[in-house]
Protein backbone atom coordinates (compact mmCIF):
# COMPACT_ATOMS: atom_id res chain seq x y z
CA MET A 1 14.85 -8.17 5.12
CA LEU A 2 11.25 -7.05 4.50
CA ALA A 3 12.15 -5.42 1.18
CA SER A 4 13.33 -8.77 -0.16
CA ALA A 5 10.11 -10.59 0.86
CA ASN A 6 8.40 -9.60 -2.44
CA ASP A 7 5.23 -8.46 -0.65
CA ASP A 8 5.59 -4.77 -1.56
CA TRP A 9 6.80 -3.75 1.90
CA SER A 10 8.33 -0.60 0.41
CA ILE A 11 5.20 1.41 1.29
CA TRP A 12 5.74 0.59 4.98
CA ILE A 13 9.51 1.11 4.83
CA ASP A 14 8.97 4.53 3.23
CA TRP A 15 6.29 5.38 5.82
CA TYR A 16 8.58 4.40 8.71
CA GLU A 17 11.60 6.27 7.34
CA GLN A 18 9.45 9.35 6.80
CA ARG A 19 8.28 9.23 10.43
CA LEU A 20 11.85 8.78 11.69
CA ALA A 21 12.81 11.91 9.76
CA GLY A 22 10.03 13.83 11.54
CA GLY A 23 7.59 13.69 8.63
CA ARG A 24 3.87 13.67 9.16
CA SER A 25 1.02 11.99 7.36
CA VAL A 26 0.15 13.50 4.01
CA ASP A 27 -3.57 12.83 4.48
CA ALA A 28 -5.17 11.64 7.71
CA ASP A 29 -8.30 10.45 5.88
CA LEU A 30 -6.18 8.26 3.62
CA ASP A 31 -4.47 6.85 6.72
CA LEU A 32 -7.89 6.06 8.16
CA ALA A 33 -9.11 4.49 4.93
CA CYS A 34 -6.05 2.25 4.85
CA ALA A 35 -6.38 1.31 8.51
CA MET A 36 -10.03 0.41 7.98
CA LEU A 37 -9.41 -2.15 5.24
CA PRO A 38 -11.87 -5.05 5.45
CA ASN A 39 -10.87 -8.13 7.43
CA ASP A 40 -11.14 -10.41 4.41
CA LEU A 41 -8.41 -8.39 2.72
CA TRP A 42 -6.13 -8.62 5.79
CA GLU A 43 -6.69 -12.39 5.78
CA GLN A 44 -5.29 -12.54 2.23
CA GLY A 45 -1.89 -11.56 3.59
CA PRO A 46 0.59 -8.72 3.28
CA LYS A 47 0.94 -8.80 -0.50
CA ALA A 48 -2.81 -8.16 -1.00
CA VAL A 49 -2.99 -5.52 1.77
CA ASN A 50 0.08 -3.67 0.57
CA ALA A 51 -1.17 -3.70 -3.03
CA GLU A 52 -4.51 -2.18 -1.97
CA ILE A 53 -2.81 0.48 0.15
CA ARG A 54 -0.54 1.34 -2.79
CA ARG A 55 -3.59 1.50 -5.10
CA ARG A 56 -5.35 3.91 -2.74
CA MET A 57 -2.24 6.07 -2.37
CA GLU A 58 -1.78 6.31 -6.13
CA ALA A 59 -5.46 7.09 -6.69
CA VAL A 60 -5.29 9.96 -4.20
CA ARG A 61 -2.06 11.22 -5.74
CA GLU A 62 -3.62 11.12 -9.24
CA GLY A 63 -6.83 12.71 -8.00
CA THR A 64 -9.00 9.83 -9.20
CA ILE A 65 -10.44 9.39 -5.70
CA GLY A 66 -10.73 11.81 -2.85
CA ALA A 67 -9.07 10.52 0.26
CA HIS A 68 -11.34 12.74 2.33
CA SER A 69 -14.54 11.20 1.02
CA GLU A 70 -13.27 7.60 1.09
CA GLY A 71 -11.87 7.90 4.61
CA LYS A 72 -15.04 9.50 5.94
CA ALA A 73 -17.18 6.86 4.26
CA GLN A 74 -15.08 4.13 5.89
CA ALA A 75 -15.39 5.87 9.27
CA ARG A 76 -19.18 6.09 8.91
CA ILE A 77 -19.33 2.39 8.03
CA SER A 78 -17.18 1.35 10.98
CA ARG A 79 -19.23 3.47 13.41
CA SER A 80 -22.48 1.98 12.11
CA VAL A 81 -21.34 -1.62 12.67
CA ARG A 82 -22.16 -2.77 16.18
CA PRO A 83 -21.09 -6.03 17.84
CA VAL A 84 -23.88 -8.56 18.22
């Protein structure tokens, strides 16, 4: 059902199937970086979010960005933002 929605749900389907098989996260910092996507991106809908997550996954896989540095930067940003 989700796979036919044309919103690139395959990243989530693969993630879920990997967890069912007992697999663990490849990189916790990448998981954090993906979870900390900005609200304006989430508001654009699943196609935009899934495309950005895929982009980040491919960049880490290719070594063009370090998941550790991006995830830690996102964590520092989120900790520095305080509710008003």
